[in-house]
Each structure stands twice: as structure tokens, then as C-alpha cells.
C-alpha atoms as a PDB file:
ATOM      1  CA  MET A   1     160.392  92.315 -26.060  1.00  0.00           C
ATOM      2  CA  GLU A   2     156.739  94.263 -24.457  1.00  0.00           C
ATOM      3  CA  GLY A   3     156.005  96.087 -21.338  1.00  0.00           C
ATOM      4  CA  SER A   4     154.888  93.031 -19.871  1.00  0.00           C
ATOM      5  CA  ASP A   5     157.535  90.981 -20.624  1.00  0.00           C
ATOM      6  CA  PHE A   6     159.975  93.675 -18.280  1.00  0.00           C
ATOM      7  CA  THR A   7     157.017  93.309 -15.596  1.00  0.00           C
ATOM      8  CA  LYS A   8     158.082  89.071 -15.855  1.00  0.00           C
ATOM      9  CA  MET A   9     161.416  90.138 -14.861  1.00  0.00           C
ATOM     10  CA  GLY A  10     160.738  92.903 -11.966  1.00  0.00           C
ATOM     11  CA  TYR A  11     160.650  95.759 -14.139  1.00  0.00           C
ATOM     12  CA  GLN A  12     158.410  98.928 -13.720  1.00  0.00           C
ATOM     13  CA  TRP A  13     156.925 101.483 -16.306  1.00  0.00           C
ATOM     14  CA  ALA A  14     159.313 104.099 -15.153  1.00  0.00           C
ATOM     15  CA  GLY A  15     158.470 106.646 -17.610  1.00  0.00           C
ATOM     16  CA  THR A  16     158.616 108.167 -21.468  1.00  0.00           C
ATOM     17  CA  ALA A  17     159.221 111.671 -23.077  1.00  0.00           C
ATOM     18  CA  TYR A  18     156.027 112.849 -24.988  1.00  0.00           C
ATOM     19  CA  HIS A  19     156.985 113.418 -28.534  1.00  0.00           C
ATOM     20  CA  ILE A  20     157.020 111.022 -31.327  1.00  0.00           C
ATOM     21  CA  GLY A  21     159.626 107.992 -31.319  1.00  0.00           C
ATOM     22  CA  ALA A  22     160.344 108.736 -28.037  1.00  0.00           C
ATOM     23  CA  PRO A  23     161.684 106.207 -25.630  1.00  0.00           C
ATOM     24  CA  THR A  24     160.333 104.172 -22.734  1.00  0.00           C
ATOM     25  CA  TRP A  25     161.907 103.343 -19.621  1.00  0.00           C
ATOM     26  CA  TYR A  26     161.465 100.447 -16.894  1.00  0.00           C
ATOM     27  CA  GLU A  27     162.957 100.492 -13.893  1.00  0.00           C
ATOM     28  CA  SER A  28     163.568  97.699 -11.157  1.00  0.00           C
ATOM     29  CA  GLY A  29     163.874  97.760  -7.433  1.00  0.00           C
ATOM     30  CA  ASP A  30     167.505  96.824  -7.659  1.00  0.00           C
ATOM     31  CA  GLY A  31     168.644  99.757  -9.900  1.00  0.00           C
ATOM     32  CA  GLY A  32     168.694  98.497 -13.083  1.00  0.00           C
ATOM     33  CA  ARG A  33     166.905 100.578 -15.898  1.00  0.00           C
ATOM     34  CA  ILE A  34     165.453  99.241 -19.386  1.00  0.00           C
ATOM     35  CA  THR A  35     165.434 102.039 -22.396  1.00  0.00           C
ATOM     36  CA  VAL A  36     163.499 101.019 -25.186  1.00  0.00           C
ATOM     37  CA  TYR A  37     164.118 102.953 -28.710  1.00  0.00           C
ATOM     38  CA  SER A  38     160.662 102.321 -31.629  1.00  0.00           C
ATOM     39  CA  GLY A  39     163.833 104.136 -33.867  1.00  0.00           C
ATOM     40  CA  ARG A  40     160.570 106.089 -34.835  1.00  0.00           C
ATOM     41  CA  GLY A  41     162.064 109.590 -33.388  1.00  0.00           C
ATOM     42  CA  THR A  42     165.096 112.197 -34.735  1.00  0.00           C
ATOM     43  CA  LYS A  43     168.104 111.658 -35.403  1.00  0.00           C
ATOM     44  CA  GLU A  44     169.254 114.615 -33.410  1.00  0.00           C
ATOM     45  CA  MET A  45     167.710 113.428 -30.531  1.00  0.00           C
ATOM     46  CA  GLY A  46     169.931 109.946 -31.454  1.00  0.00           C
ATOM     47  CA  GLU A  47     166.284 107.957 -31.321  1.00  0.00           C
ATOM     48  CA  ASP A  48     166.407 107.083 -34.977  1.00  0.00           C
ATOM     49  CA  VAL A  49     167.731 103.783 -34.561  1.00  0.00           C
ATOM     50  CA  ARG A  50     165.744 100.747 -32.956  1.00  0.00           C
ATOM     51  CA  LYS A  51     167.223  99.298 -29.644  1.00  0.00           C
ATOM     52  CA  THR A  52     167.080  98.519 -26.327  1.00  0.00           C
ATOM     53  CA  VAL A  53     169.384  99.806 -23.428  1.00  0.00           C
ATOM     54  CA  TYR A  54     169.917  98.217 -19.960  1.00  0.00           C
ATOM     55  CA  GLU A  55     172.087 100.328 -17.477  1.00  0.00           C
ATOM     56  CA  LYS A  56     173.157  99.914 -13.891  1.00  0.00           C
ATOM     57  CA  GLY A  57     176.243 101.215 -12.285  1.00  0.00           C
ATOM     58  CA  ASN A  58     178.539 101.356 -14.333  1.00  0.00           C
ATOM     59  CA  TYR A  59     177.426  98.953 -17.052  1.00  0.00           C
ATOM     60  CA  LYS A  60     175.292  99.265 -19.632  1.00  0.00           C
ATOM     61  CA  GLN A  61     174.519  97.091 -22.723  1.00  0.00           C
ATOM     62  CA  GLU A  62     172.938  98.382 -25.920  1.00  0.00           C
ATOM     63  CA  MET A  63     171.265  96.201 -28.100  1.00  0.00           C
ATOM     64  CA  PHE A  64     170.659  97.243 -32.020  1.00  0.00           C
ATOM     65  CA  TYR A  65     167.976  95.832 -34.226  1.00  0.00           C
ATOM     66  CA  ASP A  66     166.545  95.898 -37.965  1.00  0.00           C
ATOM     67  CA  GLU A  67     162.897  96.299 -38.602  1.00  0.00           C
ATOM     68  CA  ASN A  68     162.125  93.022 -38.648  1.00  0.00           C
ATOM     69  CA  GLY A  69     162.958  92.918 -34.457  1.00  0.00           C
ATOM     70  CA  LYS A  70     166.484  90.968 -35.862  1.00  0.00           C
ATOM     71  CA  LEU A  71     169.717  91.348 -33.526  1.00  0.00           C
ATOM     72  CA  THR A  72     171.916  93.328 -35.979  1.00  0.00           C
ATOM     73  CA  ARG A  73     174.501  94.817 -33.538  1.00  0.00           C
ATOM     74  CA  CYS A  74     175.598  94.870 -29.735  1.00  0.00           C
ATOM     75  CA  SER A  75     177.972  96.497 -27.063  1.00  0.00           C
ATOM     76  CA  ILE A  76     178.693  96.246 -23.737  1.00  0.00           C
ATOM     77  CA  THR A  77     180.461  99.278 -22.086  1.00  0.00           C
ATOM     78  CA  ILE A  78     181.823  99.477 -18.073  1.00  0.00           C
ATOM     79  CA  LEU A  79     182.138 102.895 -17.221  1.00  0.00           C
ATOM     80  CA  ASP A  80     184.551 104.164 -14.935  1.00  0.00           C
ATOM     81  CA  PRO A  81     182.811 105.100 -11.768  1.00  0.00           C
ATOM     82  CA  VAL A  82     184.817 107.869 -11.362  1.00  0.00           C
ATOM     83  CA  THR A  83     184.904 110.013 -14.573  1.00  0.00           C
ATOM     84  CA  GLY A  84     181.558 108.136 -16.212  1.00  0.00           C
ATOM     85  CA  LYS A  85     183.799 107.702 -19.505  1.00  0.00           C
ATOM     86  CA  PRO A  86     184.513 104.212 -21.037  1.00  0.00           C
ATOM     87  CA  GLU A  87     186.710 101.581 -19.138  1.00  0.00           C
ATOM     88  CA  ARG A  88     186.530  98.849 -21.159  1.00  0.00           C
ATOM     89  CA  LYS A  89     183.942  98.168 -24.089  1.00  0.00           C
ATOM     90  CA  LEU A  90     183.236  94.677 -25.321  1.00  0.00           C
ATOM     91  CA  ASP A  91     181.878  94.425 -28.915  1.00  0.00           C
ATOM     92  CA  ARG A  92     181.603  90.911 -29.712  1.00  0.00           C
ATOM     93  CA  PHE A  93     179.518  88.234 -27.083  1.00  0.00           C
ATOM     94  CA  ILE A  94     177.145  85.744 -26.787  1.00  0.00           C
ATOM     95  CA  ASP A  95     173.825  86.374 -26.050  1.00  0.00           C
ATOM     96  CA  GLU A  96     171.414  84.025 -23.568  1.00  0.00           C
ATOM     97  CA  ASN A  97     169.905  81.926 -26.741  1.00  0.00           C
ATOM     98  CA  GLY A  98     173.218  81.323 -27.664  1.00  0.00           C
ATOM     99  CA  ARG A  99     173.616  83.597 -30.732  1.00  0.00           C
ATOM    100  CA  GLU A 100     176.681  85.506 -31.214  1.00  0.00           C
ATOM    101  CA  CYS A 101     176.501  88.999 -31.104  1.00  0.00           C
ATOM    102  CA  TYR A 102     179.123  91.480 -32.930  1.00  0.00           C
ATOM    103  CA  VAL A 103     179.770  94.916 -34.106  1.00  0.00           C
ATOM    104  CA  GLU A 104     179.524  94.848 -38.088  1.00  0.00           C
END
């Protein structure tokens, strides 16, 4: 996805860090946030993999991609609203295109 796709979905560009491989994030008026990692960053910063992260409240969804943009793995995590620690984690589900997504 590109920034214009996120805009069509009701998200606006909200920021980026200013270093090579830094993620870019978009936010919606209802509290949702999408962060896009290009995979060109450093391992120490957790920016060395291509992924898209959607977060809203205590819900977090991560989608990982290979160099060609093919979805390779994913997860959905529900965080405990008090502790912020994972309460439930799903690593197998069907995406909106009917493709099965799972952790390898």
C-alpha cells in the first residue's frame, strides 16, 4: 500500500523518524494508527523487516512481507487494557481477500 491508499481509507500522514529505513505512520480520526516499515532500517531499532502494523486501543495487527511484497506471516494481539501485556494472540486467520495468514 502507498500513502494515497491510506488517505482513501481515512488516514492522514502523521510522521516519520528522520533516518534511513525509518517507519512512516498514518493516523485516523477514530484513534487508529498504521505504521509502515520498509525493511531498510537497522535490526537494533526493529526496522529490518518489511511490515505493516495497525493499532487501535488494545488491538494490534502485524503483517510481514518478503522483498517482493508477498505476505509471509502475520499476527493479531489483544493487549490487556491494564497491564498492556498480550492477553490473547492469534497467528492464523483469513485476510479480506480470502487468503489464509499464519505464522510459519
